[in-house]
């Protein structure tokens, strides 16, 4: 499929020459316009694959301003056409993040090469943006809290669950050191627990939190949590950052507390039954002793009766 290009050039002869060259190279030209205002309007209407933008345009909006607005509104790639190479112009142009420059006058081969490189770069960035969007959507939808950092431990992402648990919003913490957001202490000793992300970044391994860890939230609340941190690596093993995944242990603690309470109640009931059984055994022994005494007395009485009968 041929790439669709928009030409923005205020010199008619130059614009026609560029159009003929592009069509000769196999590209499709969706329109040729001569002003920045027209460029913005037509870009929105036609959504070309690439825009060739002359920097110096007649009118109130020059090529750089038009490119900035097109990037803001439509995220379309722009390649500048210019005969100006002064530092001031180039510095202004750089701020719009163009996909290339073509200096006038130019050869058809240079034009084709710059366009193909720009199209490829834009395609790769689109794919990367889509993967990042997919990943962000996935992380936002999972049930655990997730925070990611760069190699310096600065926050790059936080999902809604992490925002809810820490009481911090992503807008408040992005770019900040994770230790300012994720503060943990030992429930029993109250000592500060070392941040697992730092260990994951330093050692390049997955690190879990120790037991009895409390997360100290933005408002000072303390929440029992379990978590682990792992380094984020590229295909060659280079560490690009780290991801921290954690969840609250409140329900687990409540379950453990209920279990402990039930165990204590059961132990009390067992102790009570044991005491009752012990008392019953004591009573039984007393009854057995009494029965032995009564039997002995009866035997004595029977013996006396037998002796009395013999004397008569």
C-alpha atoms as a PDB file:
ATOM      1  CA  UNK A   1       0.000   0.000   0.000  1.00  0.00           C
ATOM      2  CA  UNK A   2       1.387   3.395  -1.039  1.00  0.00           C
ATOM      3  CA  UNK A   3       2.090   5.912   1.711  1.00  0.00           C
ATOM      4  CA  UNK A   4      -0.223   8.944   1.676  1.00  0.00           C
ATOM      5  CA  UNK A   5       1.590  12.279   1.996  1.00  0.00           C
ATOM      6  CA  UNK A   6       0.503  15.868   2.593  1.00  0.00           C
ATOM      7  CA  UNK A   7       2.670  18.656   1.119  1.00  0.00           C
ATOM      8  CA  UNK A   8       2.768  22.023   2.883  1.00  0.00           C
ATOM      9  CA  UNK A   9       4.637  24.512   0.661  1.00  0.00           C
ATOM     10  CA  UNK A  10       3.786  28.142  -0.101  1.00  0.00           C
ATOM     11  CA  UNK A  11       5.697  28.336  -3.395  1.00  0.00           C
ATOM     12  CA  UNK A  12       3.485  26.847  -6.073  1.00  0.00           C
ATOM     13  CA  UNK A  13       6.221  25.778  -8.479  1.00  0.00           C
ATOM     14  CA  UNK A  14       8.226  24.130  -5.686  1.00  0.00           C
ATOM     15  CA  UNK A  15       5.085  22.385  -4.383  1.00  0.00           C
ATOM     16  CA  UNK A  16       4.269  21.040  -7.850  1.00  0.00           C
ATOM     17  CA  UNK A  17       7.832  19.836  -8.307  1.00  0.00           C
ATOM     18  CA  UNK A  18       7.732  17.977  -4.964  1.00  0.00           C
ATOM     19  CA  UNK A  19       4.376  16.444  -5.859  1.00  0.00           C
ATOM     20  CA  UNK A  20       5.664  15.168  -9.188  1.00  0.00           C
ATOM     21  CA  UNK A  21       8.763  13.714  -7.564  1.00  0.00           C
ATOM     22  CA  UNK A  22       6.735  11.970  -4.885  1.00  0.00           C
ATOM     23  CA  UNK A  23       4.304  10.484  -7.371  1.00  0.00           C
ATOM     24  CA  UNK A  24       7.239   9.381  -9.498  1.00  0.00           C
ATOM     25  CA  UNK A  25       8.619   7.584  -6.437  1.00  0.00           C
ATOM     26  CA  UNK A  26       5.304   5.762  -5.950  1.00  0.00           C
ATOM     27  CA  UNK A  27       3.791   7.843  -3.160  1.00  0.00           C
ATOM     28  CA  UNK A  28       0.228   9.156  -3.064  1.00  0.00           C
ATOM     29  CA  UNK A  29      -0.220  12.905  -2.446  1.00  0.00           C
ATOM     30  CA  UNK A  30      -3.516  13.545  -0.624  1.00  0.00           C
ATOM     31  CA  UNK A  31      -3.247  17.349  -0.923  1.00  0.00           C
ATOM     32  CA  UNK A  32      -0.946  20.293  -1.392  1.00  0.00           C
ATOM     33  CA  UNK A  33      -1.541  23.359   0.796  1.00  0.00           C
ATOM     34  CA  UNK A  34       0.271  26.651   1.176  1.00  0.00           C
ATOM     35  CA  UNK A  35      -0.381  27.832   4.753  1.00  0.00           C
ATOM     36  CA  UNK A  36      -0.063  26.591   8.307  1.00  0.00           C
ATOM     37  CA  UNK A  37      -3.790  27.064   8.932  1.00  0.00           C
ATOM     38  CA  UNK A  38      -4.671  24.943   5.898  1.00  0.00           C
ATOM     39  CA  UNK A  39      -2.126  22.312   6.936  1.00  0.00           C
ATOM     40  CA  UNK A  40      -3.816  21.835  10.318  1.00  0.00           C
ATOM     41  CA  UNK A  41      -7.291  21.628   8.769  1.00  0.00           C
ATOM     42  CA  UNK A  42      -6.380  19.253   5.936  1.00  0.00           C
ATOM     43  CA  UNK A  43      -4.271  17.043   8.230  1.00  0.00           C
ATOM     44  CA  UNK A  44      -7.342  16.526  10.418  1.00  0.00           C
ATOM     45  CA  UNK A  45      -9.548  15.784   7.427  1.00  0.00           C
ATOM     46  CA  UNK A  46      -7.256  13.442   5.479  1.00  0.00           C
ATOM     47  CA  UNK A  47      -5.037  11.946   8.224  1.00  0.00           C
ATOM     48  CA  UNK A  48      -2.024  11.373   5.927  1.00  0.00           C
ATOM     49  CA  UNK A  49       0.758   8.932   6.756  1.00  0.00           C
ATOM     50  CA  UNK A  50       3.338  11.736   6.649  1.00  0.00           C
ATOM     51  CA  UNK A  51       3.460  15.505   6.243  1.00  0.00           C
ATOM     52  CA  UNK A  52       6.214  17.325   4.344  1.00  0.00           C
ATOM     53  CA  UNK A  53       6.230  20.750   5.993  1.00  0.00           C
ATOM     54  CA  UNK A  54       8.048  23.857   4.774  1.00  0.00           C
ATOM     55  CA  UNK A  55       9.297  25.745   7.842  1.00  0.00           C
ATOM     56  CA  UNK A  56       8.879  29.254   6.376  1.00  0.00           C
ATOM     57  CA  UNK A  57       5.240  29.828   5.385  1.00  0.00           C
ATOM     58  CA  UNK A  58       3.335  32.995   4.626  1.00  0.00           C
ATOM     59  CA  UNK A  59       0.570  33.903   7.061  1.00  0.00           C
ATOM     60  CA  UNK A  60       0.141  33.964  10.815  1.00  0.00           C
ATOM     61  CA  UNK A  61       1.153  30.339  11.387  1.00  0.00           C
ATOM     62  CA  UNK A  62       4.545  29.141  10.174  1.00  0.00           C
ATOM     63  CA  UNK A  63       5.544  25.537   9.555  1.00  0.00           C
ATOM     64  CA  UNK A  64       6.911  24.950  13.052  1.00  0.00           C
ATOM     65  CA  UNK A  65       3.747  26.228  14.739  1.00  0.00           C
ATOM     66  CA  UNK A  66       1.588  24.179  12.376  1.00  0.00           C
ATOM     67  CA  UNK A  67       3.645  21.042  13.057  1.00  0.00           C
ATOM     68  CA  UNK A  68       3.334  21.541  16.820  1.00  0.00           C
ATOM     69  CA  UNK A  69      -0.453  21.864  16.559  1.00  0.00           C
ATOM     70  CA  UNK A  70      -0.754  18.837  14.265  1.00  0.00           C
ATOM     71  CA  UNK A  71       1.337  16.787  16.670  1.00  0.00           C
ATOM     72  CA  UNK A  72      -0.827  17.879  19.600  1.00  0.00           C
ATOM     73  CA  UNK A  73      -4.120  17.179  17.854  1.00  0.00           C
ATOM     74  CA  UNK A  74      -3.427  14.221  15.593  1.00  0.00           C
ATOM     75  CA  UNK A  75       0.023  12.758  16.450  1.00  0.00           C
ATOM     76  CA  UNK A  76       1.015  12.623  12.782  1.00  0.00           C
ATOM     77  CA  UNK A  77       4.682  12.495  11.684  1.00  0.00           C
ATOM     78  CA  UNK A  78       6.210  15.605  10.147  1.00  0.00           C
ATOM     79  CA  UNK A  79       9.350  15.993   8.031  1.00  0.00           C
ATOM     80  CA  UNK A  80      10.571  19.564   7.561  1.00  0.00           C
ATOM     81  CA  UNK A  81      11.485  21.042   4.190  1.00  0.00           C
ATOM     82  CA  UNK A  82      13.777  24.000   4.675  1.00  0.00           C
ATOM     83  CA  UNK A  83      16.469  26.129   3.173  1.00  0.00           C
ATOM     84  CA  UNK A  84      17.237  27.606   6.599  1.00  0.00           C
ATOM     85  CA  UNK A  85      19.807  25.986   8.866  1.00  0.00           C
ATOM     86  CA  UNK A  86      20.379  28.716  11.436  1.00  0.00           C
ATOM     87  CA  UNK A  87      20.478  27.579  15.074  1.00  0.00           C
ATOM     88  CA  UNK A  88      17.426  29.529  16.157  1.00  0.00           C
ATOM     89  CA  UNK A  89      15.201  27.939  13.528  1.00  0.00           C
ATOM     90  CA  UNK A  90      16.546  24.442  14.160  1.00  0.00           C
ATOM     91  CA  UNK A  91      16.128  24.782  17.934  1.00  0.00           C
ATOM     92  CA  UNK A  92      12.483  25.797  17.461  1.00  0.00           C
ATOM     93  CA  UNK A  93      11.946  22.917  15.083  1.00  0.00           C
ATOM     94  CA  UNK A  94      13.486  20.365  17.463  1.00  0.00           C
ATOM     95  CA  UNK A  95      10.853  21.142  20.088  1.00  0.00           C
ATOM     96  CA  UNK A  96       8.149  19.718  17.799  1.00  0.00           C
ATOM     97  CA  UNK A  97      10.008  16.372  17.583  1.00  0.00           C
ATOM     98  CA  UNK A  98      10.077  16.068  13.772  1.00  0.00           C
ATOM     99  CA  UNK A  99      10.823  12.796  12.020  1.00  0.00           C
ATOM    100  CA  UNK A 100      13.435  14.318   9.740  1.00  0.00           C
ATOM    101  CA  UNK A 101      14.774  17.306   7.787  1.00  0.00           C
ATOM    102  CA  UNK A 102      15.238  17.767   4.052  1.00  0.00           C
ATOM    103  CA  UNK A 103      17.401  20.680   2.998  1.00  0.00           C
ATOM    104  CA  UNK A 104      16.492  22.510  -0.186  1.00  0.00           C
ATOM    105  CA  UNK A 105      17.487  21.876  -2.888  1.00  0.00           C
ATOM    106  CA  UNK A 106      17.309  18.112  -2.575  1.00  0.00           C
ATOM    107  CA  UNK A 107      17.657  15.024  -4.743  1.00  0.00           C
ATOM    108  CA  UNK A 108      14.879  12.493  -5.239  1.00  0.00           C
ATOM    109  CA  UNK A 109      17.012   9.822  -3.572  1.00  0.00           C
ATOM    110  CA  UNK A 110      17.430  11.974  -0.422  1.00  0.00           C
ATOM    111  CA  UNK A 111      13.706  12.685  -0.401  1.00  0.00           C
ATOM    112  CA  UNK A 112      12.814   8.993  -0.641  1.00  0.00           C
ATOM    113  CA  UNK A 113      15.327   7.944   2.025  1.00  0.00           C
ATOM    114  CA  UNK A 114      14.156  10.558   4.524  1.00  0.00           C
ATOM    115  CA  UNK A 115      10.491   9.664   3.965  1.00  0.00           C
ATOM    116  CA  UNK A 116      11.059   5.914   4.372  1.00  0.00           C
ATOM    117  CA  UNK A 117      13.104   6.372   7.540  1.00  0.00           C
ATOM    118  CA  UNK A 118      10.437   8.687   8.962  1.00  0.00           C
ATOM    119  CA  UNK A 119       7.611   6.275   8.122  1.00  0.00           C
ATOM    120  CA  UNK A 120       9.483   3.357   9.682  1.00  0.00           C
ATOM    121  CA  UNK A 121      10.315   5.340  12.805  1.00  0.00           C
ATOM    122  CA  UNK A 122       6.699   6.429  13.170  1.00  0.00           C
ATOM    123  CA  UNK A 123       5.468   2.860  12.691  1.00  0.00           C
ATOM    124  CA  UNK A 124       7.840   1.554  15.377  1.00  0.00           C
ATOM    125  CA  UNK A 125       6.783   4.304  17.772  1.00  0.00           C
ATOM    126  CA  UNK A 126       3.125   3.499  17.140  1.00  0.00           C
ATOM    127  CA  UNK A 127       3.718  -0.164  17.922  1.00  0.00           C
ATOM    128  CA  UNK A 128       5.634   0.776  21.066  1.00  0.00           C
ATOM    129  CA  UNK A 129       2.860   3.152  22.107  1.00  0.00           C
ATOM    130  CA  UNK A 130       0.265   0.422  21.573  1.00  0.00           C
ATOM    131  CA  UNK A 131       2.270  -2.062  23.657  1.00  0.00           C
ATOM    132  CA  UNK A 132       2.708   0.508  26.394  1.00  0.00           C
ATOM    133  CA  UNK A 133      -1.021   1.233  26.331  1.00  0.00           C
ATOM    134  CA  UNK A 134      -1.809  -2.487  26.469  1.00  0.00           C
ATOM    135  CA  UNK A 135       0.570  -2.955  29.388  1.00  0.00           C
ATOM    136  CA  UNK A 136      -0.819   0.057  31.244  1.00  0.00           C
ATOM    137  CA  UNK A 137      -4.384  -1.190  30.748  1.00  0.00           C
ATOM    138  CA  UNK A 138      -3.390  -4.648  31.985  1.00  0.00           C
ATOM    139  CA  UNK A 139      -1.640  -3.298  35.077  1.00  0.00           C
ATOM    140  CA  UNK A 140      -4.592  -1.039  35.865  1.00  0.00           C
ATOM    141  CA  UNK A 141      -7.027  -3.940  35.720  1.00  0.00           C
ATOM    142  CA  UNK A 142      -5.253  -6.483  37.947  1.00  0.00           C
ATOM    143  CA  UNK A 143      -6.197  -6.873  41.588  1.00  0.00           C
ATOM    144  CA  UNK A 144      -2.766  -6.311  43.144  1.00  0.00           C
ATOM    145  CA  UNK A 145      -1.104  -2.951  43.665  1.00  0.00           C
ATOM    146  CA  UNK A 146       1.652  -2.263  41.110  1.00  0.00           C
ATOM    147  CA  UNK A 147       4.353   0.425  41.091  1.00  0.00           C
ATOM    148  CA  UNK A 148       7.142   0.615  38.506  1.00  0.00           C
ATOM    149  CA  UNK A 149      10.371   2.601  38.661  1.00  0.00           C
ATOM    150  CA  UNK A 150      13.321   3.453  36.461  1.00  0.00           C
ATOM    151  CA  UNK A 151      16.888   2.390  37.223  1.00  0.00           C
ATOM    152  CA  UNK A 152      17.225   5.221  39.751  1.00  0.00           C
ATOM    153  CA  UNK A 153      14.194   4.072  41.730  1.00  0.00           C
ATOM    154  CA  UNK A 154      12.027   6.958  40.495  1.00  0.00           C
ATOM    155  CA  UNK A 155       8.325   6.189  40.076  1.00  0.00           C
ATOM    156  CA  UNK A 156       7.187   5.785  36.460  1.00  0.00           C
ATOM    157  CA  UNK A 157       3.769   4.149  36.975  1.00  0.00           C
ATOM    158  CA  UNK A 158       1.263   3.358  39.709  1.00  0.00           C
ATOM    159  CA  UNK A 159      -2.014   1.515  39.163  1.00  0.00           C
ATOM    160  CA  UNK A 160      -5.315   2.442  40.882  1.00  0.00           C
ATOM    161  CA  UNK A 161      -4.955  -0.299  43.520  1.00  0.00           C
ATOM    162  CA  UNK A 162      -1.552   1.102  44.539  1.00  0.00           C
ATOM    163  CA  UNK A 163      -3.033   4.595  44.650  1.00  0.00           C
ATOM    164  CA  UNK A 164      -5.816   3.365  46.943  1.00  0.00           C
ATOM    165  CA  UNK A 165      -3.463   1.532  49.327  1.00  0.00           C
ATOM    166  CA  UNK A 166      -0.749   4.207  49.549  1.00  0.00           C
ATOM    167  CA  UNK A 167      -3.231   7.141  49.435  1.00  0.00           C
ATOM    168  CA  UNK A 168      -0.938   8.769  46.825  1.00  0.00           C
ATOM    169  CA  UNK A 169      -2.034   9.565  43.260  1.00  0.00           C
ATOM    170  CA  UNK A 170       0.163   8.888  40.235  1.00  0.00           C
ATOM    171  CA  UNK A 171       0.223  12.605  39.405  1.00  0.00           C
ATOM    172  CA  UNK A 172       1.641  13.353  42.860  1.00  0.00           C
ATOM    173  CA  UNK A 173       4.447  10.817  42.793  1.00  0.00           C
ATOM    174  CA  UNK A 174       5.537  10.282  39.189  1.00  0.00           C
ATOM    175  CA  UNK A 175       9.223  11.100  38.908  1.00  0.00           C
ATOM    176  CA  UNK A 176       9.702  10.996  42.686  1.00  0.00           C
ATOM    177  CA  UNK A 177      11.846   8.544  44.640  1.00  0.00           C
ATOM    178  CA  UNK A 178       9.883   5.408  45.519  1.00  0.00           C
ATOM    179  CA  UNK A 179      11.042   5.577  49.154  1.00  0.00           C
ATOM    180  CA  UNK A 180       8.984   8.752  49.563  1.00  0.00           C
ATOM    181  CA  UNK A 181       5.862   6.875  48.510  1.00  0.00           C
ATOM    182  CA  UNK A 182       6.391   3.302  49.661  1.00  0.00           C
ATOM    183  CA  UNK A 183       7.414   3.439  53.326  1.00  0.00           C
ATOM    184  CA  UNK A 184       7.343   0.239  55.385  1.00  0.00           C
ATOM    185  CA  UNK A 185       8.095  -0.729  58.981  1.00  0.00           C
ATOM    186  CA  UNK A 186       8.221  -3.945  60.970  1.00  0.00           C
ATOM    187  CA  UNK A 187       4.989  -4.464  62.865  1.00  0.00           C
ATOM    188  CA  UNK A 188       6.724  -5.794  65.979  1.00  0.00           C
ATOM    189  CA  UNK A 189      10.004  -3.872  66.168  1.00  0.00           C
ATOM    190  CA  UNK A 190       8.778  -0.672  64.421  1.00  0.00           C
ATOM    191  CA  UNK A 191      12.095  -0.580  62.565  1.00  0.00           C
ATOM    192  CA  UNK A 192      12.178   0.673  58.970  1.00  0.00           C
ATOM    193  CA  UNK A 193      12.095  -2.191  56.440  1.00  0.00           C
ATOM    194  CA  UNK A 194      14.548  -1.866  53.553  1.00  0.00           C
ATOM    195  CA  UNK A 195      12.836  -1.101  50.271  1.00  0.00           C
ATOM    196  CA  UNK A 196      12.823  -4.306  48.151  1.00  0.00           C
ATOM    197  CA  UNK A 197      13.025  -2.340  44.883  1.00  0.00           C
ATOM    198  CA  UNK A 198      16.494  -1.082  45.802  1.00  0.00           C
ATOM    199  CA  UNK A 199      17.665  -4.659  46.332  1.00  0.00           C
ATOM    200  CA  UNK A 200      16.042  -5.790  43.072  1.00  0.00           C
ATOM    201  CA  UNK A 201      17.846  -3.026  41.163  1.00  0.00           C
ATOM    202  CA  UNK A 202      21.180  -3.646  42.869  1.00  0.00           C
ATOM    203  CA  UNK A 203      21.176  -7.441  42.731  1.00  0.00           C
ATOM    204  CA  UNK A 204      19.025  -8.061  39.648  1.00  0.00           C
ATOM    205  CA  UNK A 205      16.847 -10.619  41.441  1.00  0.00           C
ATOM    206  CA  UNK A 206      13.302 -10.907  42.754  1.00  0.00           C
ATOM    207  CA  UNK A 207      13.062  -9.799  46.389  1.00  0.00           C
ATOM    208  CA  UNK A 208      10.192 -10.351  48.831  1.00  0.00           C
ATOM    209  CA  UNK A 209       9.263  -8.457  51.982  1.00  0.00           C
ATOM    210  CA  UNK A 210       9.867  -9.963  55.382  1.00  0.00           C
ATOM    211  CA  UNK A 211       6.902 -11.049  57.497  1.00  0.00           C
ATOM    212  CA  UNK A 212       5.007  -8.615  59.727  1.00  0.00           C
ATOM    213  CA  UNK A 213       5.556  -5.651  57.401  1.00  0.00           C
ATOM    214  CA  UNK A 214       3.334  -2.577  57.614  1.00  0.00           C
ATOM    215  CA  UNK A 215       2.850  -0.018  54.841  1.00  0.00           C
ATOM    216  CA  UNK A 216       2.723   3.533  56.173  1.00  0.00           C
ATOM    217  CA  UNK A 217       0.286   5.438  53.958  1.00  0.00           C
ATOM    218  CA  UNK A 218       0.292   9.116  53.019  1.00  0.00           C
ATOM    219  CA  UNK A 219      -2.137   9.886  55.856  1.00  0.00           C
ATOM    220  CA  UNK A 220      -0.173   7.875  58.420  1.00  0.00           C
ATOM    221  CA  UNK A 221      -2.322   4.736  58.473  1.00  0.00           C
ATOM    222  CA  UNK A 222      -0.567   1.391  58.810  1.00  0.00           C
ATOM    223  CA  UNK A 223      -1.612  -1.502  56.577  1.00  0.00           C
ATOM    224  CA  UNK A 224      -0.189  -5.039  56.785  1.00  0.00           C
ATOM    225  CA  UNK A 225       1.083  -6.098  53.354  1.00  0.00           C
ATOM    226  CA  UNK A 226       2.855  -8.827  51.426  1.00  0.00           C
ATOM    227  CA  UNK A 227       4.911  -7.881  48.405  1.00  0.00           C
ATOM    228  CA  UNK A 228       7.760  -8.651  46.036  1.00  0.00           C
ATOM    229  CA  UNK A 229       9.959  -6.590  43.738  1.00  0.00           C
ATOM    230  CA  UNK A 230      11.634  -7.721  40.536  1.00  0.00           C
ATOM    231  CA  UNK A 231      13.960  -6.058  38.037  1.00  0.00           C
ATOM    232  CA  UNK A 232      12.646  -5.154  34.576  1.00  0.00           C
ATOM    233  CA  UNK A 233      15.159  -6.352  31.973  1.00  0.00           C
ATOM    234  CA  UNK A 234      15.474  -6.051  28.222  1.00  0.00           C
ATOM    235  CA  UNK A 235      16.162  -8.957  25.864  1.00  0.00           C
ATOM    236  CA  UNK A 236      19.894  -8.905  26.632  1.00  0.00           C
ATOM    237  CA  UNK A 237      19.437  -8.772  30.406  1.00  0.00           C
ATOM    238  CA  UNK A 238      20.097  -5.068  30.923  1.00  0.00           C
ATOM    239  CA  UNK A 239      18.115  -3.696  33.875  1.00  0.00           C
ATOM    240  CA  UNK A 240      15.680  -0.993  32.747  1.00  0.00           C
ATOM    241  CA  UNK A 241      13.884  -0.502  36.058  1.00  0.00           C
ATOM    242  CA  UNK A 242      11.892  -2.458  38.623  1.00  0.00           C
ATOM    243  CA  UNK A 243       8.313  -3.464  39.372  1.00  0.00           C
ATOM    244  CA  UNK A 244       6.832  -3.690  42.858  1.00  0.00           C
ATOM    245  CA  UNK A 245       3.709  -5.812  43.383  1.00  0.00           C
ATOM    246  CA  UNK A 246       1.939  -5.866  46.748  1.00  0.00           C
ATOM    247  CA  UNK A 247      -1.425  -6.421  48.423  1.00  0.00           C
ATOM    248  CA  UNK A 248      -2.868  -5.812  51.850  1.00  0.00           C
ATOM    249  CA  UNK A 249      -2.927  -8.563  54.454  1.00  0.00           C
ATOM    250  CA  UNK A 250      -5.833  -7.163  56.452  1.00  0.00           C
ATOM    251  CA  UNK A 251      -8.175 -10.021  55.569  1.00  0.00           C
ATOM    252  CA  UNK A 252      -5.406 -12.545  56.227  1.00  0.00           C
ATOM    253  CA  UNK A 253      -4.663 -10.963  59.600  1.00  0.00           C
ATOM    254  CA  UNK A 254      -8.359 -10.912  60.447  1.00  0.00           C
ATOM    255  CA  UNK A 255      -8.622 -14.581  59.494  1.00  0.00           C
ATOM    256  CA  UNK A 256      -5.563 -15.380  61.596  1.00  0.00           C
ATOM    257  CA  UNK A 257      -7.032 -13.400  64.495  1.00  0.00           C
ATOM    258  CA  UNK A 258     -10.320 -15.284  64.183  1.00  0.00           C
ATOM    259  CA  UNK A 259      -8.443 -18.574  64.018  1.00  0.00           C
ATOM    260  CA  UNK A 260      -6.377 -17.620  67.059  1.00  0.00           C
ATOM    261  CA  UNK A 261      -9.526 -16.639  68.934  1.00  0.00           C
ATOM    262  CA  UNK A 262     -11.206 -19.902  67.987  1.00  0.00           C
ATOM    263  CA  UNK A 263      -8.116 -21.830  69.086  1.00  0.00           C
ATOM    264  CA  UNK A 264      -8.093 -20.021  72.418  1.00  0.00           C
ATOM    265  CA  UNK A 265     -11.805 -20.718  72.908  1.00  0.00           C
ATOM    266  CA  UNK A 266     -11.289 -24.354  71.988  1.00  0.00           C
ATOM    267  CA  UNK A 267      -8.345 -24.619  74.380  1.00  0.00           C
ATOM    268  CA  UNK A 268     -10.477 -23.087  77.134  1.00  0.00           C
ATOM    269  CA  UNK A 269     -13.288 -25.526  76.427  1.00  0.00           C
ATOM    270  CA  UNK A 270     -10.844 -28.443  76.414  1.00  0.00           C
ATOM    271  CA  UNK A 271      -9.378 -27.254  79.732  1.00  0.00           C
ATOM    272  CA  UNK A 272     -12.870 -26.928  81.180  1.00  0.00           C
ATOM    273  CA  UNK A 273     -13.832 -30.417  79.986  1.00  0.00           C
ATOM    274  CA  UNK A 274     -10.572 -31.775  81.346  1.00  0.00           C
ATOM    275  CA  UNK A 275     -11.335 -30.208  84.711  1.00  0.00           C
ATOM    276  CA  UNK A 276     -14.846 -31.626  84.674  1.00  0.00           C
ATOM    277  CA  UNK A 277     -13.490 -35.026  83.697  1.00  0.00           C
ATOM    278  CA  UNK A 278     -10.915 -34.829  86.483  1.00  0.00           C
ATOM    279  CA  UNK A 279     -13.640 -33.965  88.985  1.00  0.00           C
ATOM    280  CA  UNK A 280     -15.819 -36.800  87.681  1.00  0.00           C
ATOM    281  CA  UNK A 281     -12.907 -39.232  88.028  1.00  0.00           C
ATOM    282  CA  UNK A 282     -12.336 -38.062  91.601  1.00  0.00           C
ATOM    283  CA  UNK A 283     -16.004 -38.554  92.412  1.00  0.00           C
ATOM    284  CA  UNK A 284     -15.920 -41.984  90.800  1.00  0.00           C
ATOM    285  CA  UNK A 285     -12.894 -42.947  92.883  1.00  0.00           C
ATOM    286  CA  UNK A 286     -14.693 -41.760  96.036  1.00  0.00           C
ATOM    287  CA  UNK A 287     -17.747 -43.804  95.088  1.00  0.00           C
ATOM    288  CA  UNK A 288     -15.583 -46.873  94.452  1.00  0.00           C
ATOM    289  CA  UNK A 289     -13.857 -46.420  97.828  1.00  0.00           C
ATOM    290  CA  UNK A 290     -17.215 -46.024  99.571  1.00  0.00           C
ATOM    291  CA  UNK A 291     -18.505 -49.126  97.819  1.00  0.00           C
ATOM    292  CA  UNK A 292     -15.472 -51.132  98.972  1.00  0.00           C
ATOM    293  CA  UNK A 293     -16.025 -49.991 102.550  1.00  0.00           C
ATOM    294  CA  UNK A 294     -19.712 -50.899 102.403  1.00  0.00           C
ATOM    295  CA  UNK A 295     -18.890 -54.310 100.951  1.00  0.00           C
ATOM    296  CA  UNK A 296     -16.308 -54.927 103.681  1.00  0.00           C
ATOM    297  CA  UNK A 297     -18.834 -53.939 106.352  1.00  0.00           C
ATOM    298  CA  UNK A 298     -21.416 -56.226 104.820  1.00  0.00           C
ATOM    299  CA  UNK A 299     -18.965 -59.122 104.790  1.00  0.00           C
ATOM    300  CA  UNK A 300     -18.201 -58.499 108.456  1.00  0.00           C
ATOM    301  CA  UNK A 301     -21.877 -58.433 109.319  1.00  0.00           C
ATOM    302  CA  UNK A 302     -22.547 -61.657 107.469  1.00  0.00           C
ATOM    303  CA  UNK A 303     -19.618 -63.275 109.301  1.00  0.00           C
ATOM    304  CA  UNK A 304     -20.971 -62.205 112.669  1.00  0.00           C
ATOM    305  CA  UNK A 305     -24.364 -63.629 111.799  1.00  0.00           C
ATOM    306  CA  UNK A 306     -22.829 -66.956 110.821  1.00  0.00           C
ATOM    307  CA  UNK A 307     -20.888 -67.163 114.114  1.00  0.00           C
ATOM    308  CA  UNK A 308     -24.036 -66.415 116.135  1.00  0.00           C
ATOM    309  CA  UNK A 309     -25.954 -69.194 114.495  1.00  0.00           C
ATOM    310  CA  UNK A 310     -23.161 -71.670 115.183  1.00  0.00           C
ATOM    311  CA  UNK A 311     -23.139 -70.851 118.947  1.00  0.00           C
ATOM    312  CA  UNK A 312     -26.866 -71.532 119.224  1.00  0.00           C
END
